[in-house]
PDB file of N, CA and C in Angstrom:
ATOM      1  N   MET A   1       6.184  19.370 -14.661  1.00  0.00           N
ATOM      2  CA  MET A   1       5.820  19.990 -13.599  1.00  0.00           C
ATOM      3  C   MET A   1       4.634  20.525 -13.961  1.00  0.00           C
ATOM      4  N   TYR A   2       3.427  20.520 -12.784  1.00  0.00           N
ATOM      5  CA  TYR A   2       2.455  21.172 -13.326  1.00  0.00           C
ATOM      6  C   TYR A   2       2.195  22.088 -12.140  1.00  0.00           C
ATOM      7  N   SER A   3       1.182  23.144 -12.598  1.00  0.00           N
ATOM      8  CA  SER A   3       0.739  23.991 -11.469  1.00  0.00           C
ATOM      9  C   SER A   3      -0.189  23.313 -10.513  1.00  0.00           C
ATOM     10  N   LYS A   4      -0.308  23.659  -9.254  1.00  0.00           N
ATOM     11  CA  LYS A   4      -1.012  23.117  -7.991  1.00  0.00           C
ATOM     12  C   LYS A   4      -2.417  22.622  -8.795  1.00  0.00           C
ATOM     13  N   THR A   5      -2.986  23.714  -9.412  1.00  0.00           N
ATOM     14  CA  THR A   5      -4.321  23.454  -9.838  1.00  0.00           C
ATOM     15  C   THR A   5      -4.419  22.439 -10.792  1.00  0.00           C
ATOM     16  N   GLU A   6      -3.810  22.575 -11.889  1.00  0.00           N
ATOM     17  CA  GLU A   6      -3.437  21.589 -13.266  1.00  0.00           C
ATOM     18  C   GLU A   6      -3.434  20.165 -12.555  1.00  0.00           C
ATOM     19  N   ALA A   7      -2.459  19.947 -11.444  1.00  0.00           N
ATOM     20  CA  ALA A   7      -2.253  18.924 -10.828  1.00  0.00           C
ATOM     21  C   ALA A   7      -3.525  18.039 -10.262  1.00  0.00           C
ATOM     22  N   ALA A   8      -4.283  19.057  -9.651  1.00  0.00           N
ATOM     23  CA  ALA A   8      -5.450  18.576  -8.948  1.00  0.00           C
ATOM     24  C   ALA A   8      -6.478  18.322  -9.912  1.00  0.00           C
ATOM     25  N   TYR A   9      -6.538  18.897 -11.256  1.00  0.00           N
ATOM     26  CA  TYR A   9      -7.636  18.693 -12.130  1.00  0.00           C
ATOM     27  C   TYR A   9      -7.279  17.237 -12.595  1.00  0.00           C
ATOM     28  N   LEU A  10      -5.958  17.040 -13.019  1.00  0.00           N
ATOM     29  CA  LEU A  10      -5.507  15.485 -13.678  1.00  0.00           C
ATOM     30  C   LEU A  10      -6.091  14.401 -12.496  1.00  0.00           C
ATOM     31  N   ILE A  11      -5.347  14.879 -11.534  1.00  0.00           N
ATOM     32  CA  ILE A  11      -5.608  13.975 -10.316  1.00  0.00           C
ATOM     33  C   ILE A  11      -6.958  13.347  -9.986  1.00  0.00           C
ATOM     34  N   LEU A  12      -8.087  14.665  -9.749  1.00  0.00           N
ATOM     35  CA  LEU A  12      -9.398  14.207  -9.685  1.00  0.00           C
ATOM     36  C   LEU A  12     -10.006  13.883 -11.286  1.00  0.00           C
ATOM     37  N   LYS A  13      -9.819  14.007 -12.330  1.00  0.00           N
ATOM     38  CA  LYS A  13     -10.230  13.288 -13.285  1.00  0.00           C
ATOM     39  C   LYS A  13      -9.843  11.953 -13.273  1.00  0.00           C
ATOM     40  N   GLU A  14      -8.729  11.504 -12.623  1.00  0.00           N
ATOM     41  CA  GLU A  14      -8.399  10.274 -13.051  1.00  0.00           C
ATOM     42  C   GLU A  14      -9.137   9.288 -11.627  1.00  0.00           C
ATOM     43  N   VAL A  15      -9.369   9.991 -10.644  1.00  0.00           N
ATOM     44  CA  VAL A  15      -9.704   9.173  -9.503  1.00  0.00           C
ATOM     45  C   VAL A  15     -11.483   9.062  -9.546  1.00  0.00           C
ATOM     46  N   LYS A  16     -11.982  10.293 -10.012  1.00  0.00           N
ATOM     47  CA  LYS A  16     -13.247  10.313 -10.363  1.00  0.00           C
ATOM     48  C   LYS A  16     -14.018  10.088  -9.064  1.00  0.00           C
ATOM     49  N   LYS A  17     -13.625  10.811  -8.126  1.00  0.00           N
ATOM     50  CA  LYS A  17     -14.319  11.044  -6.848  1.00  0.00           C
ATOM     51  C   LYS A  17     -13.831  11.979  -6.077  1.00  0.00           C
ATOM     52  N   PRO A  18     -14.231  13.029  -5.157  1.00  0.00           N
ATOM     53  CA  PRO A  18     -14.070  14.114  -4.380  1.00  0.00           C
ATOM     54  C   PRO A  18     -12.937  13.729  -3.581  1.00  0.00           C
ATOM     55  N   LEU A  19     -12.181  14.548  -3.169  1.00  0.00           N
ATOM     56  CA  LEU A  19     -10.908  14.362  -2.520  1.00  0.00           C
ATOM     57  C   LEU A  19     -10.706  15.687  -1.819  1.00  0.00           C
ATOM     58  N   HIS A  20      -9.827  15.355  -0.546  1.00  0.00           N
ATOM     59  CA  HIS A  20      -9.349  16.748   0.215  1.00  0.00           C
ATOM     60  C   HIS A  20      -8.039  17.300  -0.571  1.00  0.00           C
ATOM     61  N   VAL A  21      -7.984  18.412   0.002  1.00  0.00           N
ATOM     62  CA  VAL A  21      -6.781  19.248  -0.988  1.00  0.00           C
ATOM     63  C   VAL A  21      -5.395  18.308  -0.092  1.00  0.00           C
ATOM     64  N   ARG A  22      -5.560  17.817   0.844  1.00  0.00           N
ATOM     65  CA  ARG A  22      -4.336  17.081   1.415  1.00  0.00           C
ATOM     66  C   ARG A  22      -3.987  15.802   0.819  1.00  0.00           C
ATOM     67  N   GLU A  23      -5.204  14.980   0.522  1.00  0.00           N
ATOM     68  CA  GLU A  23      -4.847  13.902  -0.120  1.00  0.00           C
ATOM     69  C   GLU A  23      -4.492  14.153  -1.797  1.00  0.00           C
ATOM     70  N   ILE A  24      -4.996  15.497  -2.376  1.00  0.00           N
ATOM     71  CA  ILE A  24      -4.636  15.855  -3.917  1.00  0.00           C
ATOM     72  C   ILE A  24      -3.364  16.086  -3.658  1.00  0.00           C
ATOM     73  N   ILE A  25      -2.630  16.926  -2.553  1.00  0.00           N
ATOM     74  CA  ILE A  25      -1.290  17.216  -2.715  1.00  0.00           C
ATOM     75  C   ILE A  25      -0.501  15.727  -2.417  1.00  0.00           C
ATOM     76  N   LYS A  26      -0.985  14.990  -1.511  1.00  0.00           N
ATOM     77  CA  LYS A  26      -0.152  13.726  -1.250  1.00  0.00           C
ATOM     78  C   LYS A  26       0.041  12.994  -2.469  1.00  0.00           C
ATOM     79  N   ILE A  27      -0.993  13.067  -3.591  1.00  0.00           N
ATOM     80  CA  ILE A  27      -0.867  12.152  -4.363  1.00  0.00           C
ATOM     81  C   ILE A  27       0.148  12.815  -5.639  1.00  0.00           C
ATOM     82  N   ALA A  28      -0.113  14.373  -5.481  1.00  0.00           N
ATOM     83  CA  ALA A  28       0.670  15.183  -6.525  1.00  0.00           C
ATOM     84  C   ALA A  28       2.211  15.119  -6.147  1.00  0.00           C
ATOM     85  N   LEU A  29       2.492  15.040  -4.909  1.00  0.00           N
ATOM     86  CA  LEU A  29       3.892  15.120  -4.486  1.00  0.00           C
ATOM     87  C   LEU A  29       4.552  13.644  -4.931  1.00  0.00           C
ATOM     88  N   SER A  30       3.708  12.687  -4.529  1.00  0.00           N
ATOM     89  CA  SER A  30       4.226  11.211  -4.613  1.00  0.00           C
ATOM     90  C   SER A  30       4.461  10.874  -6.335  1.00  0.00           C
ATOM     91  N   ARG A  31       3.872  11.631  -7.114  1.00  0.00           N
ATOM     92  CA  ARG A  31       4.124  11.294  -8.543  1.00  0.00           C
ATOM     93  C   ARG A  31       5.128  12.497  -9.117  1.00  0.00           C
ATOM     94  N   ASN A  32       5.440  13.261  -8.464  1.00  0.00           N
ATOM     95  CA  ASN A  32       6.330  14.420  -8.689  1.00  0.00           C
ATOM     96  C   ASN A  32       5.714  15.340  -9.903  1.00  0.00           C
ATOM     97  N   MET A  33       4.314  15.793  -9.547  1.00  0.00           N
ATOM     98  CA  MET A  33       3.515  16.329 -10.421  1.00  0.00           C
ATOM     99  C   MET A  33       3.958  17.838  -9.946  1.00  0.00           C
ATOM    100  N   ILE A  34       4.165  18.017  -8.873  1.00  0.00           N
ATOM    101  CA  ILE A  34       4.300  19.313  -8.286  1.00  0.00           C
ATOM    102  C   ILE A  34       5.665  19.597  -7.464  1.00  0.00           C
ATOM    103  N   GLU A  35       6.307  20.842  -7.255  1.00  0.00           N
ATOM    104  CA  GLU A  35       7.399  21.216  -6.344  1.00  0.00           C
ATOM    105  C   GLU A  35       6.895  22.075  -5.514  1.00  0.00           C
ATOM    106  N   THR A  36       7.148  21.953  -3.839  1.00  0.00           N
ATOM    107  CA  THR A  36       6.593  22.900  -3.053  1.00  0.00           C
ATOM    108  C   THR A  36       7.541  22.960  -2.059  1.00  0.00           C
ATOM    109  N   LYS A  37       7.933  24.439  -1.837  1.00  0.00           N
ATOM    110  CA  LYS A  37       8.874  24.428  -0.832  1.00  0.00           C
ATOM    111  C   LYS A  37       8.266  24.962   0.629  1.00  0.00           C
ATOM    112  N   GLY A  38       6.836  25.449   0.571  1.00  0.00           N
ATOM    113  CA  GLY A  38       5.954  25.915   1.688  1.00  0.00           C
ATOM    114  C   GLY A  38       5.729  24.665   2.632  1.00  0.00           C
ATOM    115  N   GLU A  39       5.485  24.942   3.927  1.00  0.00           N
ATOM    116  CA  GLU A  39       5.145  24.056   4.946  1.00  0.00           C
ATOM    117  C   GLU A  39       3.486  23.516   4.936  1.00  0.00           C
ATOM    118  N   THR A  40       2.898  24.510   4.068  1.00  0.00           N
ATOM    119  CA  THR A  40       1.325  23.876   4.000  1.00  0.00           C
ATOM    120  C   THR A  40       0.838  24.096   2.488  1.00  0.00           C
ATOM    121  N   PRO A  41       1.430  23.144   1.609  1.00  0.00           N
ATOM    122  CA  PRO A  41       0.989  23.368   0.073  1.00  0.00           C
ATOM    123  C   PRO A  41      -0.644  22.919   0.053  1.00  0.00           C
ATOM    124  N   TRP A  42      -1.110  22.223   1.064  1.00  0.00           N
ATOM    125  CA  TRP A  42      -2.605  21.963   0.791  1.00  0.00           C
ATOM    126  C   TRP A  42      -3.445  23.076   1.180  1.00  0.00           C
ATOM    127  N   ALA A  43      -3.093  24.291   1.997  1.00  0.00           N
ATOM    128  CA  ALA A  43      -3.574  25.329   1.886  1.00  0.00           C
ATOM    129  C   ALA A  43      -3.357  26.344   0.790  1.00  0.00           C
ATOM    130  N   THR A  44      -2.307  26.265   0.379  1.00  0.00           N
ATOM    131  CA  THR A  44      -1.991  26.966  -0.796  1.00  0.00           C
ATOM    132  C   THR A  44      -2.941  26.588  -2.222  1.00  0.00           C
ATOM    133  N   LEU A  45      -2.927  25.324  -1.974  1.00  0.00           N
ATOM    134  CA  LEU A  45      -3.958  24.769  -3.284  1.00  0.00           C
ATOM    135  C   LEU A  45      -5.524  24.971  -2.709  1.00  0.00           C
ATOM    136  N   ALA A  46      -5.990  24.908  -1.621  1.00  0.00           N
ATOM    137  CA  ALA A  46      -7.108  25.310  -1.508  1.00  0.00           C
ATOM    138  C   ALA A  46      -7.471  26.817  -1.770  1.00  0.00           C
ATOM    139  N   SER A  47      -6.490  27.736  -1.523  1.00  0.00           N
ATOM    140  CA  SER A  47      -6.569  29.131  -1.628  1.00  0.00           C
ATOM    141  C   SER A  47      -6.455  29.178  -3.316  1.00  0.00           C
ATOM    142  N   GLU A  48      -5.713  28.387  -3.783  1.00  0.00           N
ATOM    143  CA  GLU A  48      -5.542  28.668  -5.523  1.00  0.00           C
ATOM    144  C   GLU A  48      -6.869  28.208  -6.429  1.00  0.00           C
ATOM    145  N   LEU A  49      -7.573  27.158  -5.663  1.00  0.00           N
ATOM    146  CA  LEU A  49      -8.979  26.617  -6.432  1.00  0.00           C
ATOM    147  C   LEU A  49     -10.074  27.494  -6.068  1.00  0.00           C
ATOM    148  N   ARG A  50      -9.908  28.340  -4.917  1.00  0.00           N
ATOM    149  CA  ARG A  50     -10.991  29.180  -4.508  1.00  0.00           C
ATOM    150  C   ARG A  50     -10.503  30.454  -5.482  1.00  0.00           C
ATOM    151  N   ALA A  51      -9.481  30.629  -5.657  1.00  0.00           N
ATOM    152  CA  ALA A  51      -9.190  31.937  -6.569  1.00  0.00           C
ATOM    153  C   ALA A  51      -9.374  31.584  -7.948  1.00  0.00           C
ATOM    154  N   GLU A  52      -9.202  30.632  -8.448  1.00  0.00           N
ATOM    155  CA  GLU A  52      -9.777  29.858  -9.916  1.00  0.00           C
ATOM    156  C   GLU A  52     -11.284  30.288 -10.039  1.00  0.00           C
ATOM    157  N   ASN A  53     -12.122  29.728  -8.974  1.00  0.00           N
ATOM    158  CA  ASN A  53     -13.356  29.811  -9.191  1.00  0.00           C
ATOM    159  C   ASN A  53     -13.791  30.961  -9.169  1.00  0.00           C
ATOM    160  N   LYS A  54     -13.257  32.005  -8.381  1.00  0.00           N
ATOM    161  CA  LYS A  54     -13.665  33.374  -8.168  1.00  0.00           C
ATOM    162  C   LYS A  54     -13.457  34.215  -9.586  1.00  0.00           C
ATOM    163  N   ARG A  55     -12.302  33.890 -10.173  1.00  0.00           N
ATOM    164  CA  ARG A  55     -11.713  34.762 -11.551  1.00  0.00           C
ATOM    165  C   ARG A  55     -12.627  34.211 -12.478  1.00  0.00           C
ATOM    166  N   LYS A  56     -12.942  32.738 -12.655  1.00  0.00           N
ATOM    167  CA  LYS A  56     -13.811  32.243 -13.884  1.00  0.00           C
ATOM    168  C   LYS A  56     -15.295  32.717 -13.747  1.00  0.00           C
ATOM    169  N   THR A  57     -15.720  32.751 -12.358  1.00  0.00           N
ATOM    170  CA  THR A  57     -17.303  33.512 -12.178  1.00  0.00           C
ATOM    171  C   THR A  57     -16.982  34.869 -12.738  1.00  0.00           C
ATOM    172  N   LYS A  58     -16.255  35.551 -12.295  1.00  0.00           N
ATOM    173  CA  LYS A  58     -16.228  37.038 -12.715  1.00  0.00           C
ATOM    174  C   LYS A  58     -16.211  37.291 -14.015  1.00  0.00           C
ATOM    175  N   ARG A  59     -15.127  36.202 -14.900  1.00  0.00           N
ATOM    176  CA  ARG A  59     -15.316  36.289 -15.954  1.00  0.00           C
ATOM    177  C   ARG A  59     -16.405  35.437 -17.013  1.00  0.00           C
ATOM    178  N   GLY A  60     -17.627  35.036 -16.474  1.00  0.00           N
ATOM    179  CA  GLY A  60     -18.554  34.334 -16.766  1.00  0.00           C
ATOM    180  C   GLY A  60     -18.292  32.964 -17.511  1.00  0.00           C
ATOM    181  N   LEU A  61     -17.054  32.185 -17.030  1.00  0.00           N
ATOM    182  CA  LEU A  61     -16.709  31.030 -17.405  1.00  0.00           C
ATOM    183  C   LEU A  61     -16.914  29.739 -16.754  1.00  0.00           C
ATOM    184  N   GLY A  62     -16.997  28.619 -17.282  1.00  0.00           N
ATOM    185  CA  GLY A  62     -17.564  27.445 -16.766  1.00  0.00           C
ATOM    186  C   GLY A  62     -16.463  27.166 -15.384  1.00  0.00           C
ATOM    187  N   LEU A  63     -16.941  26.494 -14.352  1.00  0.00           N
ATOM    188  CA  LEU A  63     -15.747  26.097 -13.321  1.00  0.00           C
ATOM    189  C   LEU A  63     -15.138  24.698 -13.492  1.00  0.00           C
ATOM    190  N   ARG A  64     -14.069  24.580 -13.202  1.00  0.00           N
ATOM    191  CA  ARG A  64     -13.596  23.030 -13.414  1.00  0.00           C
ATOM    192  C   ARG A  64     -13.725  22.442 -12.197  1.00  0.00           C
ATOM    193  N   PHE A  65     -13.932  23.147 -10.956  1.00  0.00           N
ATOM    194  CA  PHE A  65     -13.763  22.702  -9.761  1.00  0.00           C
ATOM    195  C   PHE A  65     -15.332  22.918  -8.844  1.00  0.00           C
ATOM    196  N   VAL A  66     -15.651  22.059  -8.150  1.00  0.00           N
ATOM    197  CA  VAL A  66     -16.675  22.232  -7.082  1.00  0.00           C
ATOM    198  C   VAL A  66     -16.219  22.068  -5.626  1.00  0.00           C
ATOM    199  N   LEU A  67     -16.592  22.979  -4.914  1.00  0.00           N
ATOM    200  CA  LEU A  67     -16.169  22.831  -3.372  1.00  0.00           C
ATOM    201  C   LEU A  67     -17.573  21.944  -2.678  1.00  0.00           C
ATOM    202  N   LEU A  68     -16.899  20.786  -2.189  1.00  0.00           N
ATOM    203  CA  LEU A  68     -18.130  19.829  -1.667  1.00  0.00           C
ATOM    204  C   LEU A  68     -18.312  19.951  -0.273  1.00  0.00           C
ATOM    205  N   GLY A  69     -17.273  20.245   0.538  1.00  0.00           N
ATOM    206  CA  GLY A  69     -17.234  20.324   1.900  1.00  0.00           C
ATOM    207  C   GLY A  69     -15.674  21.243   2.146  1.00  0.00           C
ATOM    208  N   LYS A  70     -15.603  21.028   3.818  1.00  0.00           N
ATOM    209  CA  LYS A  70     -14.527  21.797   3.767  1.00  0.00           C
ATOM    210  C   LYS A  70     -13.183  21.094   3.034  1.00  0.00           C
ATOM    211  N   ASN A  71     -12.507  22.196   2.183  1.00  0.00           N
ATOM    212  CA  ASN A  71     -11.299  21.595   1.595  1.00  0.00           C
ATOM    213  C   ASN A  71     -11.559  20.265   0.828  1.00  0.00           C
ATOM    214  N   THR A  72     -12.821  19.958   0.527  1.00  0.00           N
ATOM    215  CA  THR A  72     -12.906  18.676  -0.390  1.00  0.00           C
ATOM    216  C   THR A  72     -13.565  19.171  -1.825  1.00  0.00           C
ATOM    217  N   TRP A  73     -13.022  18.648  -2.906  1.00  0.00           N
ATOM    218  CA  TRP A  73     -13.285  19.038  -4.456  1.00  0.00           C
ATOM    219  C   TRP A  73     -13.255  18.119  -4.970  1.00  0.00           C
ATOM    220  N   GLU A  74     -14.326  18.347  -5.943  1.00  0.00           N
ATOM    221  CA  GLU A  74     -14.361  17.502  -7.191  1.00  0.00           C
ATOM    222  C   GLU A  74     -14.533  18.370  -8.462  1.00  0.00           C
ATOM    223  N   LEU A  75     -14.537  17.545  -9.564  1.00  0.00           N
ATOM    224  CA  LEU A  75     -14.365  18.418 -11.027  1.00  0.00           C
ATOM    225  C   LEU A  75     -15.888  18.486 -11.096  1.00  0.00           C
ATOM    226  N   THR A  76     -16.185  19.807 -11.689  1.00  0.00           N
ATOM    227  CA  THR A  76     -17.615  20.147 -12.133  1.00  0.00           C
ATOM    228  C   THR A  76     -18.219  19.010 -13.131  1.00  0.00           C
ATOM    229  N   GLU A  77     -17.431  18.795 -13.856  1.00  0.00           N
ATOM    230  CA  GLU A  77     -17.668  17.903 -15.143  1.00  0.00           C
ATOM    231  C   GLU A  77     -18.114  16.410 -14.735  1.00  0.00           C
ATOM    232  N   LEU A  78     -17.805  15.968 -13.282  1.00  0.00           N
ATOM    233  CA  LEU A  78     -18.304  14.855 -12.617  1.00  0.00           C
ATOM    234  C   LEU A  78     -19.370  15.024 -11.898  1.00  0.00           C
ATOM    235  N   THR A  79     -19.246  16.050 -11.160  1.00  0.00           N
ATOM    236  CA  THR A  79     -20.629  16.552 -10.405  1.00  0.00           C
ATOM    237  C   THR A  79     -21.845  17.048 -11.340  1.00  0.00           C
ATOM    238  N   TYR A  80     -21.603  17.290 -12.082  1.00  0.00           N
ATOM    239  CA  TYR A  80     -22.649  18.288 -12.749  1.00  0.00           C
ATOM    240  C   TYR A  80     -22.377  17.821 -14.458  1.00  0.00           C
ATOM    241  N   PRO A  81     -22.336  16.733 -14.889  1.00  0.00           N
ATOM    242  CA  PRO A  81     -22.042  16.343 -16.268  1.00  0.00           C
ATOM    243  C   PRO A  81     -22.808  16.792 -17.368  1.00  0.00           C
ATOM    244  N   HIS A  82     -24.200  17.676 -16.935  1.00  0.00           N
ATOM    245  CA  HIS A  82     -24.672  18.322 -17.887  1.00  0.00           C
ATOM    246  C   HIS A  82     -24.284  19.782 -18.535  1.00  0.00           C
ATOM    247  N   LEU A  83     -23.263  20.309 -17.497  1.00  0.00           N
ATOM    248  CA  LEU A  83     -22.619  21.481 -17.730  1.00  0.00           C
ATOM    249  C   LEU A  83     -21.199  21.210 -18.392  1.00  0.00           C
ATOM    250  N   LYS A  84     -21.349  21.971 -19.548  1.00  0.00           N
ATOM    251  CA  LYS A  84     -19.981  21.705 -20.429  1.00  0.00           C
ATOM    252  C   LYS A  84     -19.148  22.901 -19.809  1.00  0.00           C
ATOM    253  N   ARG A  85     -18.009  22.507 -19.832  1.00  0.00           N
ATOM    254  CA  ARG A  85     -16.420  23.613 -19.194  1.00  0.00           C
ATOM    255  C   ARG A  85     -16.504  24.527 -20.381  1.00  0.00           C
ATOM    256  N   GLU A  86     -16.366  25.466 -20.259  1.00  0.00           N
ATOM    257  CA  GLU A  86     -16.026  26.705 -21.243  1.00  0.00           C
ATOM    258  C   GLU A  86     -14.785  26.579 -21.396  1.00  0.00           C
ATOM    259  N   GLU A  87     -13.890  26.667 -22.233  1.00  0.00           N
ATOM    260  CA  GLU A  87     -12.641  27.335 -22.383  1.00  0.00           C
ATOM    261  C   GLU A  87     -12.557  28.612 -22.253  1.00  0.00           C
ATOM    262  N   THR A  88     -11.323  29.168 -21.850  1.00  0.00           N
ATOM    263  CA  THR A  88     -10.707  30.568 -21.574  1.00  0.00           C
ATOM    264  C   THR A  88     -11.137  31.190 -22.585  1.00  0.00           C
ATOM    265  N   LYS A  89     -11.588  32.512 -23.098  1.00  0.00           N
ATOM    266  CA  LYS A  89     -11.868  33.346 -24.183  1.00  0.00           C
ATOM    267  C   LYS A  89     -10.273  33.791 -24.702  1.00  0.00           C
ATOM    268  N   LYS A  90     -10.221  33.748 -26.096  1.00  0.00           N
ATOM    269  CA  LYS A  90      -8.912  34.027 -26.648  1.00  0.00           C
ATOM    270  C   LYS A  90      -9.075  35.594 -27.211  1.00  0.00           C
TER     271      LYS A  90
END
């Protein structure tokens, strides 16, 4: 099992195109990548993606995800390939 954000990263990396959070969750659930008990896992994912971006921005780290439209996300490495994703400082 993966976290919702890690599953989103793996799915977006594979499909190489922007997806809405509902589609990401649909794929993740169909592949048994995540478990969810809530009624709105897509809303949770959208919140978690925003929180990750906020946290990484505050720490001065590169972002993995880019918000392209209302709850439609893509990987930074696909949208802006000239930017290298920085790993978490140890």
